Amino acid sequence: MSLIKQLAHNTLSQIVGKIISTFLGLLAIGMMTRYLGTEQFGWYITAITFLQFIGILTDFGLVPVTAQMMSEPEFDKTQLFKNLLSYRFFTALVFWIIAPFVALLFPYPIEVKIAISFTTISFLCISINQTLTGLYQHRLKMHIPAIAEIVGRIVLVGGLWGLIHYQRGFLPVMIVITVSSVAYMLTMLLNAHKEIPLGFAFDKHIWKSITLKMWPIAIAIIFNVVYLKGDILLLSFFRSQTEVGIYGAAYRVIDIVAQTAMMVMGVMLPLLTYSWSRNEREDFAHRYQLSFDTMMLMALPIMAGMILLADKIMILVAGQEFAESGNALRILAIAVFGVFLGSVFGHTSVAINKQKKTLWIFISAAILTLIGYLVFIPRYGMYGAAWMTVFSELYVGILLWLAVKKYTQQKLRLNTLFKISLATMLMASIIYKFAFLHILILILIGILAYGIGLVLFRVVTKETIREILMTKKI
């Protein structure tokens, strides 16, 4: 089976699943914004961002580390996975026990602190899912996390509907969020049990190897958290919970969209690692180019569409009360391009074992962005936060690209990017011309125009489409 066909078949179910889960996620946000209002939605954003901050600190990069180590021949796969799962569970457990006590030191409303105390269960589940996701990346079965995510989102939307119907308030909303994460984790675990024997293991040699692989990524992630979540945390100190809610609504839309980048590169990482670790440079170059082209295929139209339709998107998703969120979304849409860039080159740096060599990028980004947050957030509020987010994502993405270019000596061909840009401009011009139409109609028109542009400019050929649609292995 050709690589394009293999990836297409492996990711088709993910893409369908991601479309469904994205719709359910946006639906859940819309239900919460309309039910909670700007201030209480600000409570939700504050609680979730605090826990995400802790969650990123405890991430340790175990998703790419799991996918990478499971693609290497050094250890027995069953024993390796048991040790990875043990490493993930017990390190995360320590942090999530401490988190609620740390929250007591922050000047948050009491409702936020209570929410943090039990929503830590949700994030412990997410921590476990990270290792399971690494397993599925290695086995090219990412449709299973996609299905699990849909299960969690269905529980979330169903639970929210019941709470809204009976008018139960803010804290029950946070309980439903926790229950949905448990459902997501249980679905992952039940399927993982069919793939590989589950259980805990404590092999010192394997734990040492995990730590050696992990620590450069972990340090990078610790600095990542400063520019990824520092904006909302600092915004909650300097501005009202209402402004946090308005900015947070736009940021949640970006978060959901950005997950697509991780999904695609999660598929590519084991393939890149396999080629590089076995010195198959021609295959590596092909897969590296394919990764870049695929990510740009999504990044450019998403960015352009969000910039043009930001106001309509936020009114559709969150309601008229959050119309101002469109201004923040329009700025953050530019950051989406940086997220996709960073995902391509960040995952590639892991595949070629250059995590240590790229640490300075994340450290410098954290320092510069934190300075920017402290200067611009008190003065400009959410707009200062949004523009510094744009800076940090583009800064990291561009420097990671230069680093990977240096260490692999691989030059990316930009002819496909040029054609994608033409297709995106065609799409954008048509959306702009028909801007008076309803947003759902505009989205359909945009998808159609972009698809026509891809064929017209030969980004996607008829031969490629036929190859992908073939079901018989070749």
Protein backbone atom coordinates (compact mmCIF):
# COMPACT_ATOMS: atom_id res chain seq x y z
CA MET A 1 0.00 0.00 0.00
CA SER A 2 1.39 3.44 -0.93
CA LEU A 3 2.08 5.93 1.85
CA ILE A 4 -0.58 8.36 0.60
CA LYS A 5 -3.17 5.60 0.51
CA GLN A 6 -2.08 4.24 3.89
CA LEU A 7 -2.35 7.63 5.52
CA ALA A 8 -5.62 8.42 3.78
CA HIS A 9 -7.26 5.20 4.96
CA ASN A 10 -5.83 5.55 8.45
CA THR A 11 -6.87 9.18 8.87
CA LEU A 12 -10.24 9.17 7.10
CA SER A 13 -12.02 7.81 10.15
CA GLN A 14 -10.11 10.30 12.31
CA ILE A 15 -11.18 13.19 10.11
CA VAL A 16 -14.82 12.10 10.19
CA GLY A 17 -14.54 11.59 13.94
CA LYS A 18 -12.87 14.96 14.39
CA ILE A 19 -15.62 16.68 12.40
CA ILE A 20 -18.25 15.08 14.62
CA SER A 21 -16.38 15.79 17.87
CA THR A 22 -15.61 19.35 16.78
CA PHE A 23 -19.30 19.94 16.07
CA LEU A 24 -20.23 18.49 19.48
CA GLY A 25 -17.48 20.53 21.17
CA LEU A 26 -18.69 23.76 19.60
CA LEU A 27 -22.25 22.81 20.50
CA ALA A 28 -21.18 22.29 24.12
CA ILE A 29 -19.43 25.68 24.17
CA GLY A 30 -22.54 27.31 22.74
CA MET A 31 -24.72 25.69 25.39
CA MET A 32 -22.40 26.82 28.18
CA THR A 33 -21.97 30.40 26.95
CA ARG A 34 -25.70 30.91 26.55
CA TYR A 35 -26.49 29.28 29.89
CA LEU A 36 -23.68 30.69 32.04
CA GLY A 37 -23.31 34.17 30.51
CA THR A 38 -20.03 36.07 30.21
CA GLU A 39 -19.12 36.19 33.93
CA GLN A 40 -19.80 32.56 34.85
CA PHE A 41 -18.33 31.38 31.56
CA GLY A 42 -15.30 33.37 32.71
CA TRP A 43 -15.32 31.20 35.86
CA TYR A 44 -15.30 28.11 33.65
CA ILE A 45 -12.43 29.45 31.52
CA THR A 46 -10.43 30.39 34.64
CA ALA A 47 -10.90 26.96 36.26
CA ILE A 48 -10.11 25.04 33.07
CA THR A 49 -7.11 27.22 32.22
CA PHE A 50 -5.65 26.78 35.72
CA LEU A 51 -5.98 23.01 35.37
CA GLN A 52 -4.65 23.08 31.80
CA PHE A 53 -1.65 24.99 33.12
CA ILE A 54 -0.98 22.20 35.62
CA GLY A 55 -1.84 19.60 32.99
CA ILE A 56 0.73 20.92 30.53
CA LEU A 57 3.34 20.96 33.28
CA THR A 58 2.61 17.27 33.96
CA ASP A 59 2.35 16.35 30.27
CA PHE A 60 6.07 15.47 30.04
CA GLY A 61 5.65 14.92 26.29
CA LEU A 62 4.56 11.34 26.84
CA VAL A 63 2.37 11.23 23.72
CA PRO A 64 5.27 11.68 21.28
CA VAL A 65 7.65 9.76 23.59
CA THR A 66 5.26 6.78 23.65
CA ALA A 67 4.84 6.83 19.87
CA GLN A 68 8.59 7.20 19.38
CA MET A 69 9.68 4.46 21.81
CA MET A 70 7.03 2.03 20.57
CA SER A 71 8.44 2.52 17.05
CA GLU A 72 11.98 1.66 18.14
CA PRO A 73 13.28 -1.92 18.51
CA GLU A 74 14.94 -1.62 21.94
CA PHE A 75 12.29 -2.97 24.36
CA ASP A 76 9.55 -5.59 24.44
CA LYS A 77 6.44 -3.64 23.47
CA THR A 78 4.13 -5.03 26.16
CA GLN A 79 6.54 -4.36 29.00
CA LEU A 80 7.42 -0.96 27.58
CA PHE A 81 3.79 0.12 27.40
CA LYS A 82 3.04 -1.05 30.95
CA ASN A 83 5.96 1.01 32.21
CA LEU A 84 4.88 4.03 30.18
CA LEU A 85 1.36 3.75 31.60
CA SER A 86 2.72 3.46 35.16
CA TYR A 87 5.03 6.43 34.64
CA ARG A 88 2.14 8.52 33.35
CA PHE A 89 -0.37 7.55 36.06
CA PHE A 90 1.75 7.94 39.18
CA THR A 91 3.52 11.16 38.17
CA ALA A 92 0.20 12.75 37.19
CA LEU A 93 -1.51 11.57 40.38
CA VAL A 94 0.97 13.46 42.55
CA PHE A 95 0.40 16.73 40.70
CA TRP A 96 -3.38 16.43 40.65
CA ILE A 97 -3.52 15.82 44.40
CA ILE A 98 -1.53 19.03 44.97
CA ALA A 99 -3.39 21.19 42.41
CA PRO A 100 -6.54 22.05 44.47
CA PHE A 101 -4.39 23.25 47.37
CA VAL A 102 -2.36 25.48 45.05
CA ALA A 103 -5.61 26.98 43.71
CA LEU A 104 -6.47 28.20 47.22
CA LEU A 105 -3.58 30.68 46.95
CA PHE A 106 -5.12 32.42 43.91
CA PRO A 107 -7.64 35.30 44.10
CA TYR A 108 -10.40 33.34 42.38
CA PRO A 109 -14.11 33.28 43.31
CA ILE A 110 -14.95 30.46 45.71
CA GLU A 111 -17.00 28.72 43.00
CA VAL A 112 -13.90 28.51 40.82
CA LYS A 113 -11.82 26.99 43.61
CA ILE A 114 -14.49 24.38 44.35
CA ALA A 115 -14.71 23.54 40.65
CA ILE A 116 -10.94 23.09 40.45
CA SER A 117 -10.98 20.70 43.42
CA PHE A 118 -13.05 18.00 41.71
CA THR A 119 -12.34 18.74 38.06
CA THR A 120 -8.80 17.49 38.69
CA ILE A 121 -10.33 14.02 38.16
CA SER A 122 -11.10 15.05 34.59
CA PHE A 123 -7.51 16.03 33.98
CA LEU A 124 -6.15 12.84 35.55
CA CYS A 125 -8.21 10.99 32.96
CA ILE A 126 -6.73 13.19 30.24
CA SER A 127 -3.23 12.35 31.52
CA ILE A 128 -3.91 8.63 31.15
CA ASN A 129 -5.37 9.18 27.69
CA GLN A 130 -2.08 10.76 26.59
CA THR A 131 -0.20 7.49 26.95
CA LEU A 132 -3.00 5.51 25.32
CA THR A 133 -2.97 7.97 22.40
CA GLY A 134 0.76 7.33 21.95
CA LEU A 135 -0.01 3.60 21.67
CA TYR A 136 -2.63 4.18 19.00
CA GLN A 137 -0.30 6.53 17.11
CA HIS A 138 2.31 3.78 16.97
CA ARG A 139 -0.22 1.23 15.71
CA LEU A 140 -1.78 3.68 13.23
CA LYS A 141 -5.19 3.20 14.87
CA MET A 142 -6.02 6.78 15.73
CA HIS A 143 -9.67 6.13 14.88
CA ILE A 144 -10.03 4.70 18.40
CA PRO A 145 -9.19 7.98 20.21
CA ALA A 146 -11.51 9.70 17.71
CA ILE A 147 -14.36 7.39 18.71
CA ALA A 148 -13.55 7.81 22.41
CA GLU A 149 -13.59 11.57 22.02
CA ILE A 150 -17.02 11.42 20.41
CA VAL A 151 -18.30 9.28 23.29
CA GLY A 152 -17.01 11.86 25.78
CA ARG A 153 -18.56 14.73 23.81
CA ILE A 154 -21.94 12.96 23.61
CA VAL A 155 -21.92 12.52 27.40
CA LEU A 156 -20.97 16.19 27.77
CA VAL A 157 -23.70 17.54 25.47
CA GLY A 158 -26.33 15.20 26.94
CA GLY A 159 -25.37 16.17 30.49
CA LEU A 160 -25.40 19.87 29.70
CA TRP A 161 -28.83 19.58 28.11
CA GLY A 162 -30.19 18.00 31.30
CA LEU A 163 -28.58 20.64 33.55
CA ILE A 164 -29.84 23.51 31.43
CA HIS A 165 -33.32 22.02 31.36
CA TYR A 166 -33.40 21.79 35.16
CA GLN A 167 -31.40 25.03 35.74
CA ARG A 168 -28.76 23.47 38.01
CA GLY A 169 -26.04 26.17 37.87
CA PHE A 170 -22.27 26.44 37.44
CA LEU A 171 -20.82 23.68 39.63
CA PRO A 172 -22.99 20.90 38.18
CA VAL A 173 -21.75 21.97 34.74
CA MET A 174 -18.19 21.28 35.93
CA ILE A 175 -19.29 17.87 37.27
CA VAL A 176 -20.68 16.96 33.83
CA ILE A 177 -17.37 17.98 32.25
CA THR A 178 -15.58 15.62 34.65
CA VAL A 179 -17.97 12.73 33.90
CA SER A 180 -17.44 13.21 30.16
CA SER A 181 -13.67 12.88 30.62
CA VAL A 182 -14.15 9.66 32.59
CA ALA A 183 -16.30 8.28 29.74
CA TYR A 184 -13.57 9.24 27.24
CA MET A 185 -10.89 7.46 29.31
CA LEU A 186 -12.94 4.28 29.88
CA THR A 187 -13.59 3.96 26.14
CA MET A 188 -9.85 4.29 25.48
CA LEU A 189 -8.97 1.73 28.16
CA LEU A 190 -11.51 -0.86 26.99
CA ASN A 191 -10.14 -0.70 23.45
CA ALA A 192 -6.51 -0.64 24.60
CA HIS A 193 -7.11 -3.89 26.49
CA LYS A 194 -7.83 -5.54 23.12
CA GLU A 195 -4.58 -4.21 21.70
CA ILE A 196 -2.12 -5.00 24.47
CA PRO A 197 -2.25 -6.38 28.05
CA LEU A 198 -2.77 -3.51 30.48
CA GLY A 199 -1.22 -3.19 33.91
CA PHE A 200 1.47 -1.42 35.89
CA ALA A 201 5.17 -2.23 35.69
CA PHE A 202 8.25 -0.70 37.31
CA ASP A 203 11.36 -1.60 35.35
CA LYS A 204 14.18 0.75 36.40
CA HIS A 205 15.97 0.43 33.08
CA ILE A 206 12.85 1.34 31.10
CA TRP A 207 11.92 4.18 33.47
CA LYS A 208 15.45 5.58 33.04
CA SER A 209 15.13 5.36 29.26
CA ILE A 210 11.71 7.08 29.38
CA THR A 211 13.17 9.87 31.50
CA LEU A 212 16.13 10.36 29.15
CA LYS A 213 13.79 10.59 26.17
CA MET A 214 11.29 12.73 28.02
CA TRP A 215 13.20 15.40 29.91
CA PRO A 216 14.06 17.69 26.98
CA ILE A 217 10.42 17.61 25.86
CA ALA A 218 9.25 18.11 29.46
CA ILE A 219 11.42 21.20 29.89
CA ALA A 220 10.20 22.55 26.55
CA ILE A 221 6.60 21.97 27.66
CA ILE A 222 7.18 23.72 30.98
CA PHE A 223 8.23 26.80 29.03
CA ASN A 224 5.43 26.17 26.52
CA VAL A 225 2.88 26.59 29.28
CA VAL A 226 4.02 30.17 29.86
CA TYR A 227 3.02 31.31 26.40
CA LEU A 228 0.22 28.79 25.81
CA LYS A 229 -1.81 29.48 28.94
CA GLY A 230 -0.12 32.47 30.56
CA ASP A 231 -2.34 34.87 28.63
CA ILE A 232 -5.62 33.76 30.24
CA LEU A 233 -4.09 33.35 33.70
CA LEU A 234 -2.66 36.87 33.64
CA LEU A 235 -5.83 38.23 32.06
CA SER A 236 -7.76 36.83 35.05
CA PHE A 237 -5.47 38.82 37.38
CA PHE A 238 -5.68 42.16 35.55
CA ARG A 239 -9.15 42.13 34.00
CA SER A 240 -12.70 41.11 34.93
CA GLN A 241 -14.08 37.58 34.68
CA THR A 242 -16.40 38.94 31.98
CA GLU A 243 -13.44 39.84 29.76
CA VAL A 244 -11.87 36.47 30.55
CA GLY A 245 -15.10 34.85 29.37
CA ILE A 246 -15.19 36.86 26.13
CA TYR A 247 -11.55 36.09 25.31
CA GLY A 248 -11.84 32.51 26.54
CA ALA A 249 -14.77 31.78 24.21
CA ALA A 250 -12.63 32.71 21.20
CA TYR A 251 -9.69 30.76 22.60
CA ARG A 252 -11.82 27.63 23.07
CA VAL A 253 -12.72 27.73 19.37
CA ILE A 254 -9.00 27.97 18.52
CA ASP A 255 -8.20 25.10 20.92
CA ILE A 256 -10.68 22.80 19.19
CA VAL A 257 -9.38 23.67 15.73
CA ALA A 258 -5.71 23.30 16.77
CA GLN A 259 -6.32 19.70 17.85
CA THR A 260 -6.47 18.83 14.15
CA ALA A 261 -2.76 19.64 13.86
CA MET A 262 -1.88 17.24 16.65
CA MET A 263 -4.10 14.56 15.12
CA VAL A 264 -2.34 14.63 11.74
CA MET A 265 1.20 14.85 13.13
CA GLY A 266 0.33 12.10 15.60
CA VAL A 267 -0.12 9.85 12.56
CA MET A 268 3.09 11.04 10.89
CA LEU A 269 5.40 10.85 13.93
CA PRO A 270 5.86 7.05 14.01
CA LEU A 271 6.48 7.05 10.25
CA LEU A 272 9.07 9.84 10.49
CA THR A 273 10.73 8.12 13.45
CA TYR A 274 10.82 4.78 11.63
CA SER A 275 12.51 6.26 8.55
CA TRP A 276 15.02 8.36 10.47
CA SER A 277 16.00 5.68 13.01
CA ARG A 278 16.74 3.22 10.19
CA ASN A 279 18.62 5.79 8.08
CA GLU A 280 16.08 5.62 5.26
CA ARG A 281 16.69 9.22 4.23
CA GLU A 282 14.72 9.16 0.98
CA ASP A 283 11.60 7.88 2.73
CA PHE A 284 12.13 10.39 5.54
CA ALA A 285 12.38 13.28 3.07
CA HIS A 286 9.17 12.18 1.36
CA ARG A 287 7.27 11.85 4.64
CA TYR A 288 8.62 15.15 5.93
CA GLN A 289 7.46 16.95 2.78
CA LEU A 290 4.09 15.19 2.94
CA SER A 291 3.66 16.28 6.57
CA PHE A 292 4.35 19.91 5.69
CA ASP A 293 2.07 19.94 2.65
CA THR A 294 -0.78 18.25 4.51
CA MET A 295 -0.60 20.70 7.40
CA MET A 296 -0.52 23.72 5.09
CA LEU A 297 -3.47 22.24 3.21
CA MET A 298 -5.50 22.73 6.41
CA ALA A 299 -3.80 25.72 8.04
CA LEU A 300 -4.24 28.32 5.30
CA PRO A 301 -7.99 27.92 4.64
CA ILE A 302 -8.74 27.67 8.38
CA MET A 303 -6.85 30.89 9.06
CA ALA A 304 -8.42 32.75 6.14
CA GLY A 305 -11.92 31.53 6.92
CA MET A 306 -11.68 32.50 10.57
CA ILE A 307 -10.38 35.98 9.78
CA LEU A 308 -13.24 36.63 7.36
CA LEU A 309 -16.02 35.02 9.43
CA ALA A 310 -14.84 35.66 13.00
CA ASP A 311 -17.86 37.71 14.11
CA LYS A 312 -20.38 35.33 12.54
CA ILE A 313 -18.57 32.31 13.99
CA MET A 314 -18.67 33.61 17.56
CA ILE A 315 -22.31 34.69 17.35
CA LEU A 316 -23.22 31.27 15.94
CA VAL A 317 -21.16 29.37 18.51
CA ALA A 318 -21.56 31.44 21.66
CA GLY A 319 -24.51 33.78 21.07
CA GLN A 320 -24.96 37.52 20.64
CA GLU A 321 -23.64 38.24 24.15
CA PHE A 322 -20.21 37.02 22.94
CA ALA A 323 -20.16 39.02 19.69
CA GLU A 324 -17.07 40.90 20.91
CA SER A 325 -15.21 37.58 20.97
CA GLY A 326 -15.05 37.85 17.18
CA ASN A 327 -12.40 40.56 17.46
CA ALA A 328 -10.19 38.25 19.54
CA LEU A 329 -10.85 35.28 17.24
CA ARG A 330 -9.79 37.31 14.19
CA ILE A 331 -6.39 37.92 15.79
CA LEU A 332 -6.01 34.40 17.18
CA ALA A 333 -6.74 32.96 13.74
CA ILE A 334 -3.28 34.14 12.68
CA ALA A 335 -1.82 32.14 15.56
CA VAL A 336 -3.43 29.00 14.09
CA PHE A 337 -0.91 29.12 11.25
CA GLY A 338 1.90 29.18 13.82
CA VAL A 339 0.33 26.24 15.68
CA PHE A 340 0.34 24.13 12.51
CA LEU A 341 3.93 25.13 11.71
CA GLY A 342 5.08 24.33 15.23
CA SER A 343 3.31 20.99 15.13
CA VAL A 344 5.08 19.91 11.92
CA PHE A 345 8.56 20.88 13.00
CA GLY A 346 8.13 20.12 16.70
CA HIS A 347 7.08 16.53 15.98
CA THR A 348 9.85 16.21 13.40
CA SER A 349 12.45 17.34 15.96
CA VAL A 350 11.22 14.53 18.24
CA ALA A 351 11.42 12.01 15.38
CA ILE A 352 15.08 12.90 14.74
CA ASN A 353 15.96 13.01 18.46
CA LYS A 354 16.86 16.69 18.56
CA GLN A 355 14.61 17.68 21.46
CA LYS A 356 17.58 18.89 23.49
CA LYS A 357 18.90 21.01 20.64
CA THR A 358 15.62 22.91 20.31
CA LEU A 359 15.08 23.70 24.00
CA TRP A 360 16.44 27.23 23.60
CA ILE A 361 13.57 28.03 21.24
CA PHE A 362 10.92 27.29 23.85
CA ILE A 363 12.85 28.94 26.66
CA SER A 364 13.38 32.17 24.71
CA ALA A 365 9.76 32.14 23.51
CA ALA A 366 8.54 31.81 27.09
CA ILE A 367 10.71 34.68 28.34
CA LEU A 368 9.83 37.05 25.49
CA THR A 369 6.11 36.22 25.58
CA LEU A 370 5.86 36.55 29.36
CA ILE A 371 7.46 40.00 29.14
CA GLY A 372 4.97 40.87 26.42
CA TYR A 373 2.03 39.62 28.49
CA LEU A 374 3.10 41.69 31.50
CA VAL A 375 3.51 44.80 29.34
CA PHE A 376 0.47 44.55 27.07
CA ILE A 377 -2.24 42.69 29.03
CA PRO A 378 -2.61 45.35 31.79
CA ARG A 379 -2.80 48.05 29.09
CA TYR A 380 -4.73 46.39 26.26
CA GLY A 381 -6.45 43.45 27.95
CA MET A 382 -7.49 40.56 25.73
CA TYR A 383 -6.12 42.25 22.58
CA GLY A 384 -2.64 42.42 24.10
CA ALA A 385 -2.97 38.75 25.07
CA ALA A 386 -4.12 37.75 21.57
CA TRP A 387 -1.30 39.53 19.70
CA MET A 388 1.35 38.10 22.01
CA THR A 389 -0.12 34.65 21.37
CA VAL A 390 0.30 35.28 17.64
CA PHE A 391 3.92 36.32 18.21
CA SER A 392 4.77 33.27 20.32
CA GLU A 393 3.26 30.70 17.94
CA LEU A 394 4.93 32.18 14.85
CA TYR A 395 8.24 32.63 16.68
CA VAL A 396 8.33 28.98 17.77
CA GLY A 397 7.10 27.63 14.44
CA ILE A 398 9.65 29.52 12.33
CA LEU A 399 12.63 28.76 14.58
CA LEU A 400 11.73 25.06 14.79
CA TRP A 401 11.62 24.98 11.00
CA LEU A 402 15.13 26.48 10.80
CA ALA A 403 16.41 24.02 13.41
CA VAL A 404 14.97 20.98 11.64
CA LYS A 405 16.38 22.25 8.34
CA LYS A 406 19.83 22.48 9.93
CA TYR A 407 19.81 19.02 11.54
CA THR A 408 18.21 17.07 8.68
CA GLN A 409 19.70 19.02 5.76
CA GLN A 410 16.28 18.66 4.14
CA LYS A 411 14.87 21.53 2.13
CA LEU A 412 11.12 21.78 1.80
CA ARG A 413 9.70 22.36 -1.66
CA LEU A 414 7.28 25.30 -1.59
CA ASN A 415 5.53 24.82 -4.92
CA THR A 416 2.59 23.00 -3.30
CA LEU A 417 2.35 25.72 -0.64
CA PHE A 418 2.11 28.31 -3.44
CA LYS A 419 -0.73 26.38 -5.08
CA ILE A 420 -2.52 26.00 -1.73
CA SER A 421 -2.20 29.77 -1.26
CA LEU A 422 -3.87 30.34 -4.63
CA ALA A 423 -6.73 28.00 -3.71
CA THR A 424 -7.10 29.77 -0.36
CA MET A 425 -7.24 33.19 -2.05
CA LEU A 426 -9.92 31.91 -4.41
CA MET A 427 -11.93 30.67 -1.44
CA ALA A 428 -11.44 33.91 0.51
CA SER A 429 -12.48 36.14 -2.39
CA ILE A 430 -15.71 34.20 -2.91
CA ILE A 431 -16.54 34.26 0.82
CA TYR A 432 -15.86 38.00 0.91
CA LYS A 433 -18.11 38.62 -2.10
CA PHE A 434 -21.02 36.72 -0.55
CA ALA A 435 -20.42 37.88 3.05
CA PHE A 436 -24.09 38.88 3.41
CA LEU A 437 -25.20 35.23 3.39
CA HIS A 438 -25.75 33.08 6.51
CA ILE A 439 -22.53 31.66 7.94
CA LEU A 440 -23.50 28.00 7.38
CA ILE A 441 -24.07 28.73 3.70
CA LEU A 442 -20.75 30.62 3.58
CA ILE A 443 -18.92 27.67 5.11
CA LEU A 444 -20.35 25.30 2.51
CA ILE A 445 -19.49 27.75 -0.29
CA GLY A 446 -15.98 28.13 1.12
CA ILE A 447 -15.41 24.36 1.27
CA LEU A 448 -16.66 23.95 -2.29
CA ALA A 449 -14.56 26.86 -3.59
CA TYR A 450 -11.44 25.58 -1.83
CA GLY A 451 -11.98 22.07 -3.18
CA ILE A 452 -12.36 23.41 -6.71
CA GLY A 453 -9.21 25.51 -6.21
CA LEU A 454 -7.21 22.46 -5.08
CA VAL A 455 -8.16 20.59 -8.24
CA LEU A 456 -7.85 23.65 -10.49
CA PHE A 457 -4.31 24.42 -9.29
CA ARG A 458 -3.42 20.71 -9.23
CA VAL A 459 -2.73 20.49 -5.51
CA VAL A 460 -4.82 17.33 -5.60
CA THR A 461 -4.87 15.37 -8.85
CA LYS A 462 -7.52 12.99 -10.14
CA GLU A 463 -4.98 10.17 -9.87
CA THR A 464 -4.44 10.88 -6.17
CA ILE A 465 -8.19 10.90 -5.53
CA ARG A 466 -8.60 7.59 -7.35
CA GLU A 467 -5.71 6.07 -5.36
CA ILE A 468 -7.19 7.17 -2.03
CA LEU A 469 -10.66 5.87 -2.92
CA MET A 470 -9.38 2.45 -3.93
CA THR A 471 -10.11 -0.11 -1.22
CA LYS A 472 -7.97 -2.94 -2.54
CA LYS A 473 -4.39 -2.97 -1.28
CA ILE A 474 -1.68 -2.43 -3.86
